[in-house]
N, C-alpha and C. Protein backbone atom coordinates (compact mmCIF):
# COMPACT_ATOMS: atom_id res chain seq x y z
N MET A 1 -102.62 205.53 38.00
CA MET A 1 -103.91 204.66 38.49
C MET A 1 -104.39 203.87 37.28
N VAL A 2 -104.67 202.62 37.53
CA VAL A 2 -105.43 201.71 36.41
C VAL A 2 -106.81 201.73 36.61
N SER A 3 -107.46 201.94 35.42
CA SER A 3 -109.01 202.09 35.48
C SER A 3 -109.32 200.74 35.55
N PRO A 4 -110.70 200.46 36.08
CA PRO A 4 -111.26 199.21 36.25
C PRO A 4 -111.57 198.43 35.16
N SER A 5 -111.70 199.05 33.77
CA SER A 5 -111.78 198.40 32.57
C SER A 5 -110.52 197.80 32.34
N ARG A 6 -109.37 198.42 32.26
CA ARG A 6 -108.11 197.56 32.17
C ARG A 6 -107.63 196.48 33.08
N ALA A 7 -108.22 196.59 34.51
CA ALA A 7 -108.04 195.60 35.47
C ALA A 7 -108.68 194.35 34.93
N ARG A 8 -109.87 194.47 34.22
CA ARG A 8 -110.84 193.10 33.95
C ARG A 8 -110.48 192.86 32.49
N SER A 9 -109.60 193.46 31.88
CA SER A 9 -109.22 192.99 30.43
C SER A 9 -108.58 191.76 30.09
N GLY A 10 -108.02 190.83 31.09
CA GLY A 10 -107.64 189.63 30.89
C GLY A 10 -106.84 189.30 32.13
N PRO A 11 -106.24 187.85 32.21
CA PRO A 11 -105.39 187.46 33.46
C PRO A 11 -104.35 188.08 33.65
N ALA A 12 -103.68 187.98 34.74
CA ALA A 12 -102.48 188.87 34.92
C ALA A 12 -101.35 187.83 34.28
N PRO A 13 -100.27 188.51 33.85
CA PRO A 13 -99.04 187.48 33.38
C PRO A 13 -98.75 186.43 34.40
N SER A 14 -98.61 186.81 35.62
CA SER A 14 -98.43 185.71 36.73
C SER A 14 -99.02 184.60 36.81
N THR A 15 -100.54 184.79 36.47
CA THR A 15 -101.61 183.84 36.66
C THR A 15 -101.39 182.87 35.19
N THR A 16 -101.06 183.43 34.15
CA THR A 16 -101.00 182.67 32.96
C THR A 16 -99.73 181.92 33.20
N ALA A 17 -98.68 182.27 33.34
CA ALA A 17 -97.42 181.54 33.82
C ALA A 17 -97.52 180.44 34.70
N GLY A 18 -98.30 180.62 35.76
CA GLY A 18 -98.63 179.42 36.71
C GLY A 18 -99.41 178.46 36.02
N ARG A 19 -100.36 178.85 35.38
CA ARG A 19 -100.96 177.67 34.81
C ARG A 19 -100.43 176.82 33.63
N ARG A 20 -99.37 177.73 32.95
CA ARG A 20 -98.29 176.91 32.07
C ARG A 20 -97.49 175.98 32.93
N ILE A 21 -97.16 176.39 34.08
CA ILE A 21 -96.41 175.64 34.63
C ILE A 21 -97.16 174.27 35.35
N VAL A 22 -98.33 174.19 35.84
CA VAL A 22 -99.30 173.42 36.10
C VAL A 22 -99.36 172.24 34.97
N ARG A 23 -99.66 172.70 33.92
CA ARG A 23 -99.97 171.89 32.78
C ARG A 23 -98.58 171.02 32.55
N LEU A 24 -97.30 171.61 32.46
CA LEU A 24 -96.22 171.11 32.38
C LEU A 24 -95.89 169.91 33.53
N VAL A 25 -96.29 170.29 34.66
CA VAL A 25 -96.01 169.21 35.59
C VAL A 25 -97.14 168.08 35.49
N VAL A 26 -98.17 168.14 34.97
CA VAL A 26 -99.16 167.25 34.87
C VAL A 26 -98.67 166.50 33.68
N VAL A 27 -98.33 167.01 32.63
CA VAL A 27 -97.87 166.13 31.38
C VAL A 27 -96.55 165.29 32.01
N ALA A 28 -95.75 165.98 32.68
CA ALA A 28 -94.31 165.08 33.06
C ALA A 28 -94.76 164.26 34.15
N THR A 29 -95.94 164.37 34.93
CA THR A 29 -96.34 163.17 35.85
C THR A 29 -96.70 161.79 34.91
N LEU A 30 -97.76 162.29 33.94
CA LEU A 30 -98.39 161.38 33.14
C LEU A 30 -97.37 160.51 32.36
N VAL A 31 -96.25 161.14 31.83
CA VAL A 31 -95.33 160.64 31.15
C VAL A 31 -94.46 159.68 32.09
N ALA A 32 -94.04 160.05 33.31
CA ALA A 32 -93.42 159.34 34.13
C ALA A 32 -94.10 158.04 34.57
N GLY A 33 -95.41 158.32 34.64
CA GLY A 33 -96.29 157.08 35.21
C GLY A 33 -96.23 156.13 34.00
N ALA A 34 -96.52 156.52 32.64
CA ALA A 34 -96.32 155.63 31.44
C ALA A 34 -95.34 154.79 31.52
N LEU A 35 -93.93 155.47 31.80
CA LEU A 35 -92.66 154.94 31.71
C LEU A 35 -92.59 153.81 32.83
N ALA A 36 -93.10 154.27 33.92
CA ALA A 36 -92.99 153.39 35.09
C ALA A 36 -93.91 152.13 34.87
N THR A 37 -94.72 152.08 34.22
CA THR A 37 -95.89 151.09 33.74
C THR A 37 -94.93 150.31 33.02
N VAL A 38 -94.24 150.76 32.10
CA VAL A 38 -93.68 150.14 30.91
C VAL A 38 -92.46 149.13 31.63
N GLY A 39 -91.95 150.05 32.62
CA GLY A 39 -90.97 149.20 33.25
C GLY A 39 -91.28 148.14 34.35
N GLN A 40 -92.67 148.40 34.91
CA GLN A 40 -92.96 147.17 35.60
C GLN A 40 -93.37 146.11 34.79
N ALA A 41 -94.14 146.22 33.52
CA ALA A 41 -94.19 145.25 32.73
C ALA A 41 -92.97 144.46 32.22
N SER A 42 -91.95 145.15 32.03
CA SER A 42 -90.70 144.70 31.49
C SER A 42 -90.13 143.64 32.97
N ALA A 43 -90.20 144.27 33.92
CA ALA A 43 -89.63 143.56 35.15
C ALA A 43 -90.48 142.26 35.35
N LEU A 44 -91.89 142.22 35.12
CA LEU A 44 -92.57 141.24 35.28
C LEU A 44 -92.46 140.02 34.23
N ALA A 45 -92.09 140.53 32.69
CA ALA A 45 -91.84 139.77 31.82
C ALA A 45 -90.57 138.91 32.06
N ALA A 46 -89.53 139.70 32.86
CA ALA A 46 -88.26 139.12 32.80
C ALA A 46 -87.80 139.23 34.34
N PRO A 47 -88.19 138.28 35.22
CA PRO A 47 -88.00 138.50 36.58
C PRO A 47 -86.38 138.22 36.80
N ALA A 48 -85.47 139.05 37.67
CA ALA A 48 -84.32 139.11 37.90
C ALA A 48 -83.71 138.42 39.00
N GLY A 49 -82.77 138.25 39.25
CA GLY A 49 -82.25 137.85 40.52
C GLY A 49 -82.38 136.16 40.76
N GLY A 50 -82.53 135.58 39.49
CA GLY A 50 -82.50 133.96 39.63
C GLY A 50 -84.07 133.46 39.77
N PHE A 51 -84.92 134.50 39.66
CA PHE A 51 -86.26 133.67 39.76
C PHE A 51 -86.84 133.53 38.41
N GLU A 52 -87.73 132.49 38.53
CA GLU A 52 -88.58 131.98 37.43
C GLU A 52 -89.96 132.35 37.38
N ASP A 53 -90.35 132.89 36.46
CA ASP A 53 -92.03 133.12 36.42
C ASP A 53 -92.80 131.78 35.64
N ARG A 54 -93.56 131.07 36.20
CA ARG A 54 -94.12 130.14 35.35
C ARG A 54 -95.45 129.55 36.14
N ALA A 55 -96.50 129.03 35.54
CA ALA A 55 -97.68 128.65 35.94
C ALA A 55 -97.46 127.26 36.76
N VAL A 56 -97.89 126.98 38.01
CA VAL A 56 -97.70 125.80 38.39
C VAL A 56 -99.01 125.02 38.70
N VAL A 57 -100.10 125.45 38.56
CA VAL A 57 -101.39 125.16 38.51
C VAL A 57 -102.42 125.56 37.29
N GLY A 58 -103.18 124.74 36.65
CA GLY A 58 -103.89 125.22 35.67
C GLY A 58 -105.34 124.55 35.87
N GLY A 59 -106.26 124.97 34.80
CA GLY A 59 -107.75 124.21 35.10
C GLY A 59 -108.32 124.97 35.99
N LEU A 60 -108.04 126.31 36.43
CA LEU A 60 -109.02 127.04 37.43
C LEU A 60 -109.51 128.14 36.90
N THR A 61 -110.81 128.56 37.33
CA THR A 61 -111.60 129.43 36.68
C THR A 61 -111.67 130.81 38.02
N GLN A 62 -110.91 131.67 37.56
CA GLN A 62 -110.91 133.06 38.59
C GLN A 62 -110.70 132.73 40.07
N PRO A 63 -109.54 132.19 40.43
CA PRO A 63 -109.07 131.62 41.77
C PRO A 63 -109.14 133.00 42.51
N THR A 64 -109.43 132.69 43.64
CA THR A 64 -109.26 134.10 44.76
C THR A 64 -108.54 133.83 45.84
N ALA A 65 -108.51 132.55 46.26
CA ALA A 65 -107.63 132.13 47.50
C ALA A 65 -107.20 130.76 47.40
N VAL A 66 -105.93 130.57 48.05
CA VAL A 66 -105.18 129.42 48.02
C VAL A 66 -104.57 128.95 49.47
N GLU A 67 -104.82 127.83 49.84
CA GLU A 67 -104.29 127.37 51.05
C GLU A 67 -103.78 126.10 51.04
N PHE A 68 -102.35 125.76 51.82
CA PHE A 68 -101.83 124.65 51.92
C PHE A 68 -101.99 124.06 53.05
N THR A 69 -101.96 122.73 53.25
CA THR A 69 -101.83 121.87 54.32
C THR A 69 -100.60 121.37 54.79
N PRO A 70 -100.05 121.29 56.05
CA PRO A 70 -98.91 120.71 56.36
C PRO A 70 -98.44 119.54 55.50
N GLY A 71 -99.15 118.79 54.83
CA GLY A 71 -98.77 117.56 54.17
C GLY A 71 -98.56 118.01 52.70
N GLY A 72 -98.77 119.20 52.15
CA GLY A 72 -98.50 119.67 50.98
C GLY A 72 -100.07 119.65 50.16
N THR A 73 -100.93 119.01 50.55
CA THR A 73 -102.34 119.01 49.60
C THR A 73 -102.69 120.67 49.49
N VAL A 74 -103.14 121.14 48.27
CA VAL A 74 -103.30 122.37 47.77
C VAL A 74 -105.15 122.68 47.65
N PHE A 75 -105.63 123.57 48.56
CA PHE A 75 -106.88 124.02 47.97
C PHE A 75 -107.05 125.31 47.54
N VAL A 76 -107.83 125.63 46.59
CA VAL A 76 -107.99 126.71 45.91
C VAL A 76 -109.40 127.05 45.57
N ALA A 77 -109.70 128.30 46.14
CA ALA A 77 -111.12 128.90 46.03
C ALA A 77 -111.46 129.45 44.77
N GLU A 78 -112.59 129.39 44.05
CA GLU A 78 -112.77 130.22 42.86
C GLU A 78 -113.73 131.04 43.31
N LYS A 79 -113.70 132.20 42.52
CA LYS A 79 -114.95 133.26 42.48
C LYS A 79 -116.37 132.62 42.44
N ARG A 80 -116.60 131.91 41.55
CA ARG A 80 -117.82 131.37 40.97
C ARG A 80 -118.58 130.34 42.25
N GLY A 81 -117.72 129.85 43.05
CA GLY A 81 -118.25 129.17 44.30
C GLY A 81 -117.99 127.72 44.29
N VAL A 82 -116.65 127.50 43.64
CA VAL A 82 -116.00 126.15 43.49
C VAL A 82 -114.71 126.09 44.55
N VAL A 83 -114.70 125.16 45.09
CA VAL A 83 -113.31 124.77 45.78
C VAL A 83 -112.81 123.68 45.18
N LYS A 84 -111.41 123.50 44.76
CA LYS A 84 -110.77 122.64 44.06
C LYS A 84 -109.43 122.20 44.78
N VAL A 85 -109.05 120.82 44.92
CA VAL A 85 -108.18 120.44 45.67
C VAL A 85 -107.03 119.65 44.81
N LEU A 86 -105.77 119.86 45.07
CA LEU A 86 -104.68 119.23 44.34
C LEU A 86 -103.90 118.32 45.36
N ARG A 87 -103.43 117.15 45.09
CA ARG A 87 -102.46 116.47 46.07
C ARG A 87 -101.27 117.27 46.45
N ASN A 88 -100.67 117.96 45.39
CA ASN A 88 -99.48 118.79 45.64
C ASN A 88 -99.45 119.71 44.46
N LEU A 89 -98.36 120.45 44.27
CA LEU A 89 -98.14 121.20 43.04
C LEU A 89 -97.75 120.71 41.98
N ARG A 90 -97.55 119.24 41.88
CA ARG A 90 -97.18 118.45 40.78
C ARG A 90 -98.43 117.73 40.25
N ASP A 91 -99.63 118.00 41.02
CA ASP A 91 -100.61 117.35 40.54
C ASP A 91 -101.25 118.05 39.15
N PRO A 92 -101.23 117.07 37.93
CA PRO A 92 -101.53 118.03 36.80
C PRO A 92 -103.00 118.40 36.65
N LYS A 93 -104.18 117.83 37.53
CA LYS A 93 -105.39 118.09 37.20
C LYS A 93 -105.99 118.37 38.44
N PRO A 94 -106.45 119.53 39.01
CA PRO A 94 -107.25 119.66 40.22
C PRO A 94 -108.67 119.08 39.98
N THR A 95 -109.09 118.41 41.39
CA THR A 95 -110.48 118.05 41.25
C THR A 95 -111.28 118.67 42.32
N VAL A 96 -112.61 118.81 42.16
CA VAL A 96 -113.64 119.50 42.69
C VAL A 96 -113.84 118.97 44.17
N PHE A 97 -113.54 119.76 45.02
CA PHE A 97 -113.82 119.21 46.49
C PHE A 97 -115.33 119.76 46.96
N ALA A 98 -115.63 121.26 46.52
CA ALA A 98 -116.84 121.40 46.99
C ALA A 98 -117.44 122.47 45.94
N ASP A 99 -118.78 122.13 45.59
CA ASP A 99 -119.62 123.28 44.33
C ASP A 99 -120.73 123.71 45.40
N LEU A 100 -120.58 124.90 45.50
CA LEU A 100 -121.54 126.07 46.20
C LEU A 100 -122.07 126.88 45.51
N ARG A 101 -122.11 126.77 44.01
CA ARG A 101 -122.33 127.65 42.98
C ARG A 101 -124.06 127.94 43.34
N ARG A 102 -124.74 127.30 43.80
CA ARG A 102 -126.27 127.35 44.06
C ARG A 102 -126.52 128.35 45.02
N GLU A 103 -125.43 128.49 45.94
CA GLU A 103 -125.47 129.30 47.00
C GLU A 103 -124.72 130.59 46.95
N VAL A 104 -123.82 130.62 46.09
CA VAL A 104 -123.06 131.75 46.10
C VAL A 104 -123.35 132.79 45.21
N TYR A 105 -123.32 133.90 45.36
CA TYR A 105 -123.65 135.23 44.49
C TYR A 105 -122.48 135.68 43.86
N SER A 106 -122.41 135.38 42.41
CA SER A 106 -121.00 135.87 41.97
C SER A 106 -121.29 136.93 40.85
N ASN A 107 -121.08 138.06 41.10
CA ASN A 107 -121.16 139.00 40.27
C ASN A 107 -120.28 140.53 40.83
N TRP A 108 -119.69 140.94 39.80
CA TRP A 108 -118.86 142.08 40.16
C TRP A 108 -117.73 141.73 41.12
N ASP A 109 -117.61 142.27 42.34
CA ASP A 109 -116.89 141.77 43.43
C ASP A 109 -117.19 140.87 44.62
N ARG A 110 -118.51 140.34 43.93
CA ARG A 110 -118.99 139.31 44.94
C ARG A 110 -118.78 137.83 44.55
N GLY A 111 -118.73 137.01 45.51
CA GLY A 111 -118.60 135.76 45.06
C GLY A 111 -117.76 134.93 46.25
N LEU A 112 -117.01 133.79 46.10
CA LEU A 112 -116.51 133.12 47.16
C LEU A 112 -115.14 133.77 47.15
N LEU A 113 -114.89 134.49 48.20
CA LEU A 113 -113.50 135.14 48.25
C LEU A 113 -112.64 134.90 49.56
N GLY A 114 -113.23 133.73 50.51
CA GLY A 114 -112.37 133.61 51.61
C GLY A 114 -112.19 132.06 51.84
N LEU A 115 -111.00 131.95 52.21
CA LEU A 115 -110.57 130.38 52.27
C LEU A 115 -109.51 130.11 53.43
N ALA A 116 -109.85 129.31 54.20
CA ALA A 116 -108.86 128.98 55.41
C ALA A 116 -109.13 127.56 55.93
N LEU A 117 -107.86 127.13 56.36
CA LEU A 117 -107.63 125.87 56.89
C LEU A 117 -106.97 126.12 58.61
N PRO A 118 -107.39 125.10 59.41
CA PRO A 118 -106.91 125.24 60.84
C PRO A 118 -105.45 124.51 60.91
N PRO A 119 -104.45 125.31 61.65
CA PRO A 119 -103.32 124.68 61.82
C PRO A 119 -102.87 123.38 61.94
N ASP A 120 -103.80 122.68 62.41
CA ASP A 120 -103.66 121.23 62.87
C ASP A 120 -104.56 120.48 61.93
N PHE A 121 -104.57 121.12 60.80
CA PHE A 121 -105.45 120.11 59.51
C PHE A 121 -105.51 118.84 59.46
N GLU A 122 -104.49 118.14 59.77
CA GLU A 122 -104.46 116.39 59.65
C GLU A 122 -105.28 115.89 60.77
N ALA A 123 -105.09 116.71 62.00
CA ALA A 123 -106.12 115.92 63.07
C ALA A 123 -107.66 116.61 62.92
N ASN A 124 -107.56 117.73 62.28
CA ASN A 124 -108.89 118.62 62.29
C ASN A 124 -109.15 118.89 60.76
N PRO A 125 -109.55 118.14 60.04
CA PRO A 125 -109.46 118.60 58.61
C PRO A 125 -110.84 119.09 57.87
N TRP A 126 -111.14 120.26 58.53
CA TRP A 126 -112.02 121.12 58.04
C TRP A 126 -111.47 122.18 56.99
N VAL A 127 -112.26 122.50 56.04
CA VAL A 127 -112.10 123.64 55.20
C VAL A 127 -113.12 124.63 55.39
N TYR A 128 -112.65 125.86 55.61
CA TYR A 128 -113.78 126.86 55.84
C TYR A 128 -113.78 127.90 54.85
N VAL A 129 -114.69 128.46 54.35
CA VAL A 129 -114.87 129.44 53.41
C VAL A 129 -115.98 130.49 53.79
N MET A 130 -115.59 131.63 53.18
CA MET A 130 -116.53 132.82 53.30
C MET A 130 -116.97 133.23 51.85
N TYR A 131 -118.39 133.53 51.74
CA TYR A 131 -118.69 133.85 50.51
C TYR A 131 -120.12 134.77 50.48
N THR A 132 -120.37 135.51 49.61
CA THR A 132 -121.75 136.25 49.15
C THR A 132 -122.68 135.08 48.99
N TYR A 133 -123.60 135.22 49.88
CA TYR A 133 -124.94 134.00 50.00
C TYR A 133 -126.01 134.83 49.12
N ASN A 134 -126.51 134.14 48.06
CA ASN A 134 -127.25 134.73 47.28
C ASN A 134 -128.90 134.65 47.72
N ALA A 135 -128.97 135.52 48.58
CA ALA A 135 -130.25 135.53 49.48
C ALA A 135 -130.19 136.46 50.40
N ARG A 136 -131.35 137.13 50.90
CA ARG A 136 -131.37 137.98 51.96
C ARG A 136 -130.91 137.44 53.20
N ILE A 137 -130.80 138.21 54.38
CA ILE A 137 -130.71 137.24 55.73
C ILE A 137 -131.90 136.64 55.92
N GLY A 138 -131.81 135.38 56.37
CA GLY A 138 -132.84 134.43 56.53
C GLY A 138 -133.50 133.90 55.34
N GLY A 139 -133.23 134.32 54.05
CA GLY A 139 -133.57 133.94 52.96
C GLY A 139 -132.99 132.60 52.32
N LYS A 140 -133.77 132.04 51.10
CA LYS A 140 -133.32 130.84 50.64
C LYS A 140 -132.40 131.22 49.30
N ALA A 141 -131.46 130.52 48.93
CA ALA A 141 -130.80 130.94 47.46
C ALA A 141 -131.31 129.82 46.76
N PRO A 142 -131.19 130.19 45.38
CA PRO A 142 -130.57 131.53 44.83
C PRO A 142 -131.94 132.53 44.75
N LEU A 143 -131.52 133.60 45.05
CA LEU A 143 -132.76 134.78 44.94
C LEU A 143 -132.37 135.26 43.67
N TRP A 144 -131.10 135.48 43.31
CA TRP A 144 -130.99 136.17 41.86
C TRP A 144 -130.15 135.20 41.07
N PRO A 145 -131.00 134.29 40.46
CA PRO A 145 -130.32 133.06 39.53
C PRO A 145 -129.81 133.72 38.26
N SER A 146 -128.74 132.87 37.73
CA SER A 146 -128.14 133.29 36.56
C SER A 146 -129.04 132.78 35.24
N SER A 147 -129.27 133.53 34.46
CA SER A 147 -130.02 133.21 33.13
C SER A 147 -129.10 132.71 32.05
N GLY A 148 -127.72 132.93 32.22
CA GLY A 148 -126.76 132.42 31.19
C GLY A 148 -125.94 131.47 31.69
N SER A 149 -124.55 132.06 31.92
CA SER A 149 -123.34 131.39 32.40
C SER A 149 -123.81 130.95 33.70
N ALA A 150 -123.38 129.92 34.24
CA ALA A 150 -123.67 129.45 35.57
C ALA A 150 -122.52 129.96 36.51
N ASP A 151 -121.67 130.58 35.88
CA ASP A 151 -120.35 131.11 36.79
C ASP A 151 -120.62 132.67 36.90
N VAL A 152 -121.80 133.36 36.43
CA VAL A 152 -121.95 134.78 36.81
C VAL A 152 -123.49 135.07 36.87
N ASP A 153 -123.76 135.41 38.08
CA ASP A 153 -125.16 135.46 38.55
C ASP A 153 -125.79 136.94 38.15
N ASP A 154 -127.04 137.08 37.82
CA ASP A 154 -127.67 138.29 37.33
C ASP A 154 -127.96 139.20 38.25
N CYS A 155 -128.32 140.52 38.09
CA CYS A 155 -128.98 141.57 38.95
C CYS A 155 -130.27 142.34 37.87
N PRO A 156 -131.24 141.77 38.01
CA PRO A 156 -131.92 142.43 36.63
C PRO A 156 -132.63 143.70 37.20
N THR A 157 -133.05 144.45 36.15
CA THR A 157 -133.52 146.01 36.21
C THR A 157 -135.00 145.84 36.00
N PRO A 158 -135.76 146.24 36.84
CA PRO A 158 -135.44 146.66 38.31
C PRO A 158 -135.06 145.47 39.12
N PRO A 159 -134.34 145.52 40.17
CA PRO A 159 -134.14 146.57 41.01
C PRO A 159 -132.64 147.43 40.49
N GLY A 160 -131.84 146.78 39.65
CA GLY A 160 -130.53 147.31 38.97
C GLY A 160 -129.63 147.34 39.89
N PHE A 161 -128.34 147.13 39.53
CA PHE A 161 -127.06 146.95 40.24
C PHE A 161 -126.75 148.18 40.59
N GLN A 162 -126.89 149.46 40.06
CA GLN A 162 -126.40 150.75 40.47
C GLN A 162 -127.56 151.66 40.91
N THR A 163 -128.79 151.05 40.99
CA THR A 163 -129.91 151.90 41.39
C THR A 163 -130.19 151.30 42.94
N ALA A 164 -131.39 150.36 43.07
CA ALA A 164 -131.67 149.93 44.26
C ALA A 164 -130.83 148.72 44.60
N GLY A 165 -130.10 148.25 43.83
CA GLY A 165 -129.30 147.10 43.99
C GLY A 165 -129.94 145.62 44.35
N CYS A 166 -129.14 144.48 44.03
CA CYS A 166 -129.75 143.35 44.31
C CYS A 166 -129.15 142.81 45.76
N VAL A 167 -129.99 142.99 46.78
CA VAL A 167 -129.50 142.83 48.12
C VAL A 167 -129.36 141.27 48.34
N VAL A 168 -128.17 141.06 48.85
CA VAL A 168 -127.98 139.54 49.32
C VAL A 168 -127.12 139.84 50.52
N SER A 169 -126.65 138.80 51.33
CA SER A 169 -125.97 138.52 52.60
C SER A 169 -124.70 137.73 52.44
N GLY A 170 -124.08 137.47 53.61
CA GLY A 170 -122.91 136.65 53.78
C GLY A 170 -123.04 135.43 54.38
N ARG A 171 -122.04 134.50 54.01
CA ARG A 171 -122.32 133.23 54.79
C ARG A 171 -120.82 132.61 55.07
N HIS A 172 -120.84 132.06 56.32
CA HIS A 172 -119.54 131.11 56.56
C HIS A 172 -119.89 129.55 56.40
N HIS A 173 -119.26 128.93 55.96
CA HIS A 173 -119.36 127.46 55.70
C HIS A 173 -118.29 126.58 55.63
N ARG A 174 -118.34 125.44 56.29
CA ARG A 174 -117.14 124.47 56.34
C ARG A 174 -117.54 123.22 56.02
N ARG A 175 -116.49 122.36 55.56
CA ARG A 175 -116.89 121.12 54.91
C ARG A 175 -115.59 120.14 55.39
N ARG A 176 -115.79 119.02 55.73
CA ARG A 176 -114.85 118.13 56.39
C ARG A 176 -114.18 117.29 55.17
N ARG A 177 -112.90 117.12 55.21
CA ARG A 177 -112.24 116.32 54.20
C ARG A 177 -112.50 115.02 54.56
N PRO A 178 -112.92 114.21 53.61
CA PRO A 178 -113.20 112.64 53.88
C PRO A 178 -111.95 111.90 54.54
N ALA A 179 -112.21 111.21 55.39
CA ALA A 179 -110.96 110.35 55.91
C ALA A 179 -110.23 109.65 55.03
N ARG A 180 -108.97 109.59 54.87
CA ARG A 180 -108.29 108.76 54.18
C ARG A 180 -108.35 107.23 54.56
N ARG A 181 -108.52 106.45 53.28
CA ARG A 181 -108.45 104.74 53.95
C ARG A 181 -107.08 104.43 54.10
N ARG A 182 -107.20 103.72 55.10
CA ARG A 182 -105.73 103.15 55.65
C ARG A 182 -105.63 101.66 55.37
N LEU A 183 -104.56 101.25 54.33
CA LEU A 183 -104.45 100.09 53.93
C LEU A 183 -103.83 99.17 55.05
N PRO A 184 -104.16 97.80 55.02
CA PRO A 184 -103.38 96.99 56.01
C PRO A 184 -102.00 96.89 55.82
N ALA A 185 -101.16 96.53 56.94
CA ALA A 185 -99.69 96.57 56.94
C ALA A 185 -99.26 95.47 55.80
N GLN A 186 -99.95 94.56 55.72
CA GLN A 186 -99.70 93.51 54.53
C GLN A 186 -100.72 93.45 53.48
N ARG A 187 -100.55 94.21 52.49
CA ARG A 187 -101.51 94.12 51.48
C ARG A 187 -101.26 92.99 50.43
N ARG A 188 -102.56 92.49 50.04
CA ARG A 188 -102.31 91.50 49.19
C ARG A 188 -102.70 91.58 47.67
N ARG A 189 -101.98 91.05 46.87
CA ARG A 189 -102.14 91.45 45.23
C ARG A 189 -102.60 89.98 44.76
N ALA A 190 -103.17 89.97 43.30
CA ALA A 190 -103.34 88.84 42.59
C ALA A 190 -102.43 88.66 41.68
N ARG A 191 -101.94 87.57 41.47
CA ARG A 191 -101.12 86.83 40.38
C ARG A 191 -101.90 86.03 39.17
N PRO A 192 -101.59 86.30 38.24
CA PRO A 192 -102.43 85.48 36.99
C PRO A 192 -102.27 83.91 37.34
N GLY A 193 -103.10 83.15 37.65
CA GLY A 193 -103.29 81.69 37.72
C GLY A 193 -102.52 81.02 39.06
N ARG A 194 -102.38 82.05 39.90
CA ARG A 194 -101.89 81.78 41.19
C ARG A 194 -102.61 82.27 42.57
N GLY A 195 -103.80 82.82 42.23
CA GLY A 195 -104.63 83.34 43.52
C GLY A 195 -103.94 84.39 44.20
N LEU A 196 -104.42 84.54 45.32
CA LEU A 196 -103.77 85.55 45.97
C LEU A 196 -102.53 85.23 46.74
N VAL A 197 -101.76 86.00 46.99
CA VAL A 197 -100.36 85.72 47.58
C VAL A 197 -99.89 86.96 48.45
N PRO A 198 -99.23 86.91 49.24
CA PRO A 198 -98.95 88.07 50.31
C PRO A 198 -97.89 88.97 49.35
N ALA A 199 -98.18 90.13 49.39
CA ALA A 199 -97.51 91.45 48.51
C ALA A 199 -96.15 91.34 49.49
N VAL A 200 -96.09 91.03 50.69
CA VAL A 200 -94.76 91.13 51.67
C VAL A 200 -94.10 89.85 51.68
N PRO A 201 -93.12 89.36 51.43
CA PRO A 201 -92.64 88.33 51.53
C PRO A 201 -92.61 87.59 52.87
N GLU A 202 -93.04 86.24 52.99
CA GLU A 202 -93.13 85.56 54.42
C GLU A 202 -91.63 85.60 55.07
N PRO A 203 -91.39 85.78 56.34
CA PRO A 203 -90.13 85.47 56.82
C PRO A 203 -89.61 83.98 56.83
N LEU A 204 -88.34 84.07 56.81
CA LEU A 204 -87.74 82.90 56.28
C LEU A 204 -87.67 81.70 57.69
N ASP A 205 -88.01 80.50 57.40
CA ASP A 205 -87.92 79.69 58.54
C ASP A 205 -86.38 79.12 58.78
N ARG A 206 -86.09 79.80 59.79
CA ARG A 206 -84.73 79.43 60.45
C ARG A 206 -84.62 78.34 61.53
N ARG A 207 -85.69 77.44 61.60
CA ARG A 207 -85.43 76.40 62.71
C ARG A 207 -84.37 75.47 61.90
N PRO A 208 -83.78 74.73 62.93
CA PRO A 208 -82.90 73.83 62.58
C PRO A 208 -83.80 72.48 61.99
N ARG A 209 -83.13 71.97 61.01
CA ARG A 209 -83.92 70.75 60.37
C ARG A 209 -82.95 69.50 60.66
N LEU A 210 -83.83 68.38 61.12
CA LEU A 210 -83.16 67.06 61.49
C LEU A 210 -82.87 66.40 60.03
N ARG A 211 -81.64 65.66 59.94
CA ARG A 211 -81.14 65.02 58.62
C ARG A 211 -81.41 63.45 58.99
N ALA A 212 -82.06 63.20 57.75
CA ALA A 212 -82.33 61.41 58.05
C ALA A 212 -81.13 60.73 58.17
């Protein structure tokens, strides 16, 4: 018979061995995860299967969404509240389509996060966005303006981001793309010293001519 004092003297051998096994499993899992991360980084650095990893669009600040029109035009949403547009993926410099930074609350995971185009964009050229509105429901933006960078809005203390929180809301917005100017069928261009002449040659006069 084992006395109570001996029973409480220390952990049983089986319990100690079990803890060692658990520690070994945890270490092995961490090592496997680290190796997997290294493997993924190597795979991203050198794509296989004939793929090429390269940047096709530059000049963007924290892009969050991208949409393509049937004609190849590219719209890109930036978290800070700016929508940029490119004629196509070969366009070297995106231009600003809409600047909503005064209304968008960009901080942490909040900002301009949604972008959509209708399927019939050429006939219905509206650009739709969803963003965190920098005001309470029914309020007027900006409720929490930025004191430094125009791309990051503040949340002062109080109320504090992780205490009472800076209460904001959400908003859906749409903007129409300006109609493209249609040029006439026969454009006219200027030649130095010759005035305006048709850019498209006039048809030849094929009527029969009388000889003297």
